[in-house]
Protein backbone atom coordinates (compact mmCIF):
# COMPACT_ATOMS: atom_id res chain seq x y z
CA MET A 1 -24.08 10.30 12.23
CA ARG A 2 -22.43 11.21 8.93
CA MET A 3 -20.76 14.61 8.77
CA ARG A 4 -20.93 16.68 5.63
CA VAL A 5 -17.59 16.86 3.81
CA ASP A 6 -16.84 20.56 3.91
CA ALA A 7 -13.78 22.75 3.49
CA TRP A 8 -12.70 22.21 7.11
CA MET A 9 -12.54 18.43 6.64
CA LEU A 10 -10.92 18.75 3.24
CA VAL A 11 -8.10 20.84 4.68
CA LEU A 12 -7.07 17.75 6.64
CA VAL A 13 -7.18 15.79 3.42
CA PHE A 14 -5.52 18.52 1.35
CA ALA A 15 -2.82 18.65 3.99
CA SER A 16 -1.93 15.22 2.77
CA VAL A 17 -2.43 15.72 -0.96
CA PRO A 18 1.07 16.71 -1.96
CA VAL A 19 0.59 16.33 -5.70
CA PHE A 20 -1.15 19.67 -5.90
CA THR A 21 0.80 22.92 -6.05
CA GLY A 22 -0.85 25.87 -4.39
CA SER A 23 -0.21 29.58 -4.15
CA GLY A 24 1.84 31.00 -1.30
CA ILE A 25 0.08 31.98 1.91
CA PRO A 26 1.69 34.20 4.56
CA TYR A 27 2.21 32.29 7.80
CA GLN A 28 4.70 31.73 10.58
CA SER A 29 6.83 28.65 10.21
CA ASN A 30 6.22 25.46 12.23
CA ARG A 31 8.68 23.11 10.48
CA PHE A 32 9.02 19.44 11.14
CA LEU A 33 10.42 16.26 9.71
CA SER A 34 11.63 13.33 11.74
CA GLU A 35 13.96 10.57 10.78
CA HIS A 36 11.52 7.69 11.34
CA GLY A 37 8.65 8.69 9.03
CA ILE A 38 6.73 10.37 11.86
CA PHE A 39 6.11 14.06 11.41
CA SER A 40 5.22 16.49 14.16
CA ALA A 41 4.68 20.19 13.52
CA GLY A 42 6.74 22.22 15.98
CA ASP A 43 5.50 22.04 19.57
CA GLY A 44 1.97 21.32 18.36
CA LYS A 45 0.01 18.15 18.35
CA VAL A 46 -0.56 17.46 14.63
CA THR A 47 1.31 14.36 13.44
CA TRP A 48 1.68 12.47 10.15
CA ARG A 49 2.89 8.97 9.39
CA GLN A 50 3.68 7.65 5.97
CA CYS A 51 1.76 4.39 5.74
CA ALA A 52 3.78 2.89 2.91
CA ASN A 53 7.26 1.40 2.83
CA GLU A 54 9.00 4.31 1.12
CA VAL A 55 12.35 2.50 0.90
CA GLU A 56 11.20 -0.67 -0.87
CA ASP A 57 8.19 0.81 -2.69
CA PRO A 58 8.51 4.60 -3.00
CA SER A 59 5.46 6.76 -3.64
CA LEU A 60 5.40 9.01 -6.70
CA PHE A 61 5.57 11.98 -4.31
CA GLU A 62 8.60 12.36 -2.05
CA LEU A 63 7.60 14.33 1.06
CA HIS A 64 10.20 16.84 2.30
CA SER A 65 8.35 18.94 4.89
CA ILE A 66 4.95 19.93 6.24
CA GLU A 67 3.97 23.10 8.11
CA VAL A 68 0.70 23.75 9.96
CA VAL A 69 -0.40 27.09 11.42
CA PRO A 70 -1.76 27.23 14.04
CA ASP A 71 -0.75 23.95 15.57
CA PRO A 72 -2.93 22.55 16.95
CA PRO A 73 -5.84 23.85 14.82
CA GLN A 74 -8.73 25.66 16.53
CA ARG A 75 -12.42 25.97 15.73
CA THR A 76 -13.47 29.32 14.19
CA ARG A 77 -9.86 30.05 13.23
CA ARG A 78 -8.05 29.92 9.92
CA ILE A 79 -5.70 26.98 9.36
CA ALA A 80 -2.89 27.09 6.82
CA VAL A 81 -1.09 23.95 5.66
CA ARG A 82 2.01 23.94 3.52
CA ILE A 83 3.67 20.83 2.07
CA ARG A 84 6.95 20.67 0.18
CA GLY A 85 8.28 17.76 -1.79
CA HIS A 86 9.12 16.35 -5.18
CA LEU A 87 6.79 14.68 -7.69
CA ARG A 88 8.76 11.97 -9.51
CA GLU A 89 6.69 12.00 -12.73
CA ASP A 90 3.82 13.83 -14.45
CA LEU A 91 0.29 13.04 -13.25
CA GLU A 92 -2.70 13.22 -15.55
CA GLU A 93 -5.40 11.98 -13.16
CA GLY A 94 -5.67 10.54 -9.68
CA ASP A 95 -8.10 9.59 -6.97
CA VAL A 96 -7.88 10.37 -3.27
CA GLU A 97 -9.48 7.98 -0.79
CA TYR A 98 -9.82 8.92 2.84
CA THR A 99 -11.44 7.91 6.06
CA ALA A 100 -11.84 10.41 8.88
CA ARG A 101 -12.48 9.40 12.46
CA TYR A 102 -13.44 11.57 15.41
CA GLY A 103 -12.27 10.06 18.68
CA GLY A 104 -12.22 6.64 17.03
CA LEU A 105 -15.74 6.98 15.56
CA GLN A 106 -15.73 6.92 11.76
CA VAL A 107 -17.44 10.09 10.53
CA VAL A 108 -16.71 10.04 6.81
CA THR A 109 -15.25 7.76 4.15
CA ALA A 110 -14.96 9.09 0.65
CA GLN A 111 -13.20 8.79 -2.66
CA VAL A 112 -12.76 11.98 -4.64
CA ASP A 113 -11.36 12.77 -8.04
CA GLY A 114 -8.26 14.84 -7.24
CA CYS A 115 -8.43 16.89 -10.45
CA GLN A 116 -12.14 17.56 -10.03
CA LYS A 117 -11.54 18.74 -6.45
CA LEU A 118 -8.78 21.07 -7.70
CA ALA A 119 -11.18 22.52 -10.26
CA GLU A 120 -13.36 23.63 -7.32
CA GLU A 121 -10.42 25.58 -5.83
CA GLN A 122 -9.49 28.22 -8.37
CA SER A 123 -6.47 29.36 -6.32
CA LEU A 124 -4.81 25.99 -6.97
CA PRO A 125 -3.38 24.91 -10.32
CA GLN A 126 -5.34 22.52 -12.48
CA CYS A 127 -4.46 19.09 -13.84
CA PRO A 128 -2.28 17.75 -15.39
CA ILE A 129 0.41 18.17 -12.73
CA ARG A 130 3.98 18.18 -13.96
CA ALA A 131 6.88 16.38 -12.28
CA GLY A 132 9.31 18.39 -10.18
CA ALA A 133 9.54 20.33 -6.95
CA LYS A 134 6.17 21.12 -5.35
CA ASP A 135 5.18 23.73 -2.80
CA ILE A 136 1.56 23.24 -1.79
CA ALA A 137 -0.27 25.78 0.33
CA TYR A 138 -3.91 25.73 1.35
CA ALA A 139 -5.88 27.67 3.93
CA THR A 140 -9.45 27.56 5.18
CA ASP A 141 -11.50 28.45 8.23
CA ILE A 142 -12.60 25.73 10.64
CA PRO A 143 -16.30 26.40 11.37
CA TRP A 144 -17.70 26.81 14.88
CA PHE A 145 -19.83 23.66 14.60
CA VAL A 146 -16.83 21.32 14.28
CA PRO A 147 -16.64 19.40 17.56
CA PRO A 148 -13.38 19.80 19.44
CA GLY A 149 -11.46 16.56 19.88
CA GLN A 150 -9.01 14.18 18.26
CA TYR A 151 -9.34 13.46 14.53
CA THR A 152 -7.54 10.75 12.55
CA VAL A 153 -7.51 10.81 8.75
CA ASP A 154 -6.15 7.93 6.68
CA VAL A 155 -5.57 9.12 3.13
CA GLU A 156 -4.15 7.49 0.03
CA SER A 157 -3.91 8.73 -3.52
CA ARG A 158 -3.45 6.56 -6.59
CA THR A 159 -3.01 7.25 -10.28
CA ARG A 160 -5.78 6.66 -12.75
CA PRO A 161 -5.20 4.62 -14.86
CA GLY A 162 -2.44 2.40 -13.50
CA ASN A 163 -3.36 2.39 -9.81
CA ARG A 164 0.15 3.48 -8.76
CA ARG A 165 0.53 5.03 -5.30
CA ILE A 166 1.04 8.80 -5.34
CA PHE A 167 1.16 9.02 -1.53
CA CYS A 168 -0.23 7.41 1.61
CA LEU A 169 -0.45 9.15 5.00
CA GLN A 170 -2.13 8.92 8.36
CA ILE A 171 -2.83 12.26 10.03
CA GLU A 172 -3.58 12.73 13.74
CA ALA A 173 -4.94 16.19 14.50
CA PRO A 174 -6.67 17.60 17.54
CA ILE A 175 -9.17 20.39 16.93
CA LEU A 176 -9.32 22.74 19.93
CA SER A 177 -11.96 25.19 21.11
CA PRO A 178 -10.85 28.82 20.64
CA SER A 179 -10.47 29.29 24.39
CA ALA A 180 -8.05 26.35 24.72
C-alpha cells in the first residue's frame, strides 16, 4: 500500500529540511542536542541521527538544535517543529530525497524539488536561500487517518547542480492516538 504524501508526512520531512527559514510559531520549548549526533526532544520519543560524518565531510547546514511540540506527536493534533542552525553558503536549488517507513514497512519514497515545495508553502521564504543563521519553523495538523505507530524517515538533501550534501538525517518518530 502506498500512502499519499500529504502535509502530515511532509512535516516529518520538513523537520529535517534545515535549509529553509520559516516564520515563528508560538510553542513551548522541548530542546535537545546530544554530544554524539543523536538528538532526542525533551522527554519525548522523537529522535534524529545525522547520517553523515560531519567531522570529516561537513554538510552545508550545521544543525544546532531541534524542537518538537508535542513530543511525541499525536493524530488529530497540531505538530510544530523548529530547527536552528547555520547555512555555510548560499543555495540556489536543491533536491530532497526521503524514504518513510511505518513499523519497518516502506510506505513512501520520493524525491522533491526543495524550492518547488517551498513555493507551495507561502508562509516560508522562497529560493534562493542565503547563507547565515537559520531558524526554521513549520506546523501542520496530523490527520485522523494516520495510523498510530513508529515511523522512520531517512532524508537527504543535495545541491543542484553540484550534488553537494546540504544535510542528511534519520528521524524516528512515534505517532500516538489522541487518547495515549
